[in-house]
Amino acid sequence: MIKLEVWNMVFTVVNLLVFFLLVRRFLFKPVLDIIAARELALQTRVDNAEKKLEEANSLHEQYEKELENAKEDGMRIVTEAKDKAHNEYDRIVKDAQEKASEIVRDAQVLAKNEKERSLQEAQSEITSLAVEAAARIVGAHSNATLDNELYNQFLTKVGENN
């Protein structure tokens, strides 16, 4: 049978307490310190990762805003270019219309001048024909004074008709 001795039990309990204290002092405490250090390092990494994630999200939002601004700027530039092109088109059309009007005016003036010249040539030719006809009618008895008088009368009548 088993005998229970008090001293034996006391030594066993004391041995267990000493073993527990030694294990606690030399094994558990360093292991717990290592675990705490690893937890701290892990928490630091997690915090850094969260900060980096926040920075990345902030940069993402900033880039999104810049992209939106770039799109708006692009639309504004395109609109301005269209407006400039339309204004340039209007200016070119206006210049062309002015040049065309000027050409028409010049052509009208030229036609009027040509008409007047033709009329003067016709009057001159008619006058010479009238003088010649009058000379034939009057015969050889006409003189220069009579010719000039007939000419002036003819011009006056022709001028009144026009």
Protein backbone atom coordinates (compact mmCIF):
# COMPACT_ATOMS: atom_id res chain seq x y z
CA MET A 1 0.00 0.00 0.00
CA ILE A 2 0.94 3.50 -0.25
CA LYS A 3 2.08 5.27 2.73
CA LEU A 4 1.49 8.85 3.07
CA GLU A 5 4.16 10.66 4.81
CA VAL A 6 3.74 14.26 5.68
CA TRP A 7 7.33 15.22 5.17
CA ASN A 8 7.38 13.56 1.88
CA MET A 9 4.33 15.50 0.83
CA VAL A 10 5.72 18.74 2.14
CA PHE A 11 8.94 18.22 0.15
CA THR A 12 6.94 17.35 -2.93
CA VAL A 13 4.81 20.48 -2.58
CA VAL A 14 7.91 22.61 -1.92
CA ASN A 15 9.63 21.01 -4.93
CA LEU A 16 6.59 21.74 -7.06
CA LEU A 17 6.47 25.37 -5.86
CA VAL A 18 10.16 25.85 -6.54
CA PHE A 19 9.82 24.20 -9.95
CA PHE A 20 6.81 26.39 -10.70
CA LEU A 21 8.67 29.56 -9.68
CA LEU A 22 11.73 28.59 -11.69
CA VAL A 23 9.68 27.73 -14.75
CA ARG A 24 7.71 30.91 -14.33
CA ARG A 25 10.84 33.00 -13.92
CA PHE A 26 13.01 31.44 -16.63
CA LEU A 27 10.49 30.03 -19.10
CA PHE A 28 7.09 31.71 -18.96
CA LYS A 29 8.32 35.28 -18.47
CA PRO A 30 10.72 35.27 -21.48
CA VAL A 31 8.15 33.48 -23.62
CA LEU A 32 5.47 35.98 -22.60
CA ASP A 33 7.88 38.84 -23.29
CA ILE A 34 8.59 37.42 -26.77
CA ILE A 35 4.86 37.02 -27.41
CA ALA A 36 4.20 40.59 -26.23
CA ALA A 37 7.02 41.89 -28.45
CA ARG A 38 5.62 39.99 -31.43
CA GLU A 39 2.11 41.29 -30.71
CA LEU A 40 3.49 44.84 -30.52
CA ALA A 41 5.38 44.38 -33.81
CA LEU A 42 2.30 42.89 -35.41
CA GLN A 43 0.12 45.75 -34.14
CA THR A 44 2.66 48.26 -35.48
CA ARG A 45 2.55 46.57 -38.88
CA VAL A 46 -1.24 46.55 -38.83
CA ASP A 47 -1.29 50.25 -37.89
CA ASN A 48 1.20 51.04 -40.67
CA ALA A 49 -0.87 49.03 -43.13
CA GLU A 50 -4.02 50.92 -42.09
CA LYS A 51 -2.21 54.25 -42.49
CA LYS A 52 -0.97 53.21 -45.92
CA LEU A 53 -4.48 52.11 -46.84
CA GLU A 54 -5.86 55.47 -45.72
CA GLU A 55 -3.15 57.26 -47.71
CA ALA A 56 -3.90 55.09 -50.74
CA ASN A 57 -7.61 55.84 -50.45
CA SER A 58 -6.85 59.55 -50.07
CA LEU A 59 -4.59 59.47 -53.12
CA HIS A 60 -7.22 57.52 -55.01
CA GLU A 61 -9.83 60.16 -54.21
CA GLN A 62 -7.39 62.91 -55.15
CA TYR A 63 -6.62 61.22 -58.46
CA GLU A 64 -10.32 60.74 -59.12
CA LYS A 65 -10.89 64.46 -58.52
CA GLU A 66 -7.94 65.36 -60.75
CA LEU A 67 -9.25 63.01 -63.44
CA GLU A 68 -12.68 64.65 -63.21
CA ASN A 69 -11.03 68.09 -63.40
CA ALA A 70 -9.01 66.95 -66.40
CA LYS A 71 -12.19 65.75 -68.10
CA GLU A 72 -13.87 69.08 -67.39
CA ASP A 73 -10.81 70.95 -68.68
CA GLY A 74 -10.84 68.81 -71.80
CA MET A 75 -14.50 69.54 -72.40
CA ARG A 76 -13.88 73.25 -71.82
CA ILE A 77 -10.94 73.25 -74.25
CA VAL A 78 -12.99 71.43 -76.89
CA THR A 79 -15.86 73.89 -76.42
CA GLU A 80 -13.50 76.85 -76.70
CA ALA A 81 -11.92 75.37 -79.83
CA LYS A 82 -15.37 74.87 -81.37
CA ASP A 83 -16.30 78.46 -80.51
CA LYS A 84 -13.06 79.77 -82.02
CA ALA A 85 -13.59 77.67 -85.14
CA HIS A 86 -17.16 78.93 -85.47
CA ASN A 87 -16.00 82.54 -85.04
CA GLU A 88 -13.26 82.01 -87.60
CA TYR A 89 -15.80 80.47 -89.98
CA ASP A 90 -18.11 83.46 -89.53
CA ARG A 91 -15.23 85.86 -90.11
CA ILE A 92 -14.14 84.06 -93.29
CA VAL A 93 -17.71 83.98 -94.62
CA LYS A 94 -18.14 87.69 -93.83
CA ASP A 95 -14.84 88.53 -95.58
CA ALA A 96 -15.90 86.47 -98.59
CA GLN A 97 -19.26 88.22 -98.73
CA GLU A 98 -17.59 91.63 -98.50
CA LYS A 99 -15.16 90.71 -101.29
CA ALA A 100 -18.02 89.40 -103.41
CA SER A 101 -19.99 92.61 -102.82
CA GLU A 102 -16.92 94.66 -103.76
CA ILE A 103 -16.44 92.63 -106.93
CA VAL A 104 -20.11 93.13 -107.84
CA ARG A 105 -19.84 96.89 -107.19
CA ASP A 106 -16.67 97.09 -109.28
CA ALA A 107 -18.37 95.13 -112.07
CA GLN A 108 -21.39 97.45 -111.92
CA VAL A 109 -19.16 100.54 -112.08
CA LEU A 110 -17.20 99.00 -114.94
CA ALA A 111 -20.43 98.13 -116.77
CA LYS A 112 -21.77 101.66 -116.23
CA ASN A 113 -18.51 103.18 -117.48
CA GLU A 114 -18.54 100.84 -120.47
CA LYS A 115 -22.17 101.77 -121.19
CA GLU A 116 -21.34 105.49 -121.00
CA ARG A 117 -18.32 105.00 -123.26
CA SER A 118 -20.43 103.03 -125.72
CA LEU A 119 -23.09 105.75 -125.63
CA GLN A 120 -20.49 108.44 -126.22
CA GLU A 121 -19.03 106.44 -129.12
CA ALA A 122 -22.52 105.92 -130.52
CA GLN A 123 -23.31 109.64 -130.11
CA SER A 124 -20.05 110.53 -131.80
CA GLU A 125 -20.75 108.15 -134.66
CA ILE A 126 -24.35 109.31 -134.97
CA THR A 127 -23.13 112.90 -134.94
CA SER A 128 -20.64 112.27 -137.69
CA LEU A 129 -23.30 110.40 -139.70
CA ALA A 130 -25.76 113.25 -139.13
CA VAL A 131 -23.18 115.79 -140.18
CA GLU A 132 -22.34 113.75 -143.22
CA ALA A 133 -26.03 113.35 -144.10
CA ALA A 134 -26.65 117.03 -143.54
CA ALA A 135 -23.65 117.86 -145.69
CA ARG A 136 -25.02 115.73 -148.49
CA ILE A 137 -28.42 117.31 -148.12
CA VAL A 138 -27.13 120.83 -148.01
CA GLY A 139 -24.58 120.03 -150.61
CA ALA A 140 -21.45 121.93 -151.19
CA HIS A 141 -22.95 125.18 -149.88
CA SER A 142 -22.44 124.35 -146.25
CA ASN A 143 -19.78 125.90 -144.18
CA ALA A 144 -18.07 125.06 -140.90
CA THR A 145 -20.30 127.34 -138.83
CA LEU A 146 -23.43 125.67 -140.08
CA ASP A 147 -21.95 122.24 -139.40
CA ASN A 148 -21.15 123.13 -135.81
CA GLU A 149 -24.61 124.60 -135.27
CA LEU A 150 -26.28 121.47 -136.63
CA TYR A 151 -24.02 119.32 -134.46
CA ASN A 152 -24.88 121.26 -131.26
CA GLN A 153 -28.62 121.08 -132.03
CA PHE A 154 -28.35 117.34 -132.52
CA LEU A 155 -26.48 116.85 -129.25
CA THR A 156 -29.03 118.93 -127.38
CA LYS A 157 -31.90 116.83 -128.74
CA VAL A 158 -30.12 113.56 -128.04
CA GLY A 159 -29.22 114.77 -124.51
CA GLU A 160 -32.87 115.66 -123.82
CA ASN A 161 -34.00 112.19 -124.90
CA ASN A 162 -31.60 110.44 -122.54
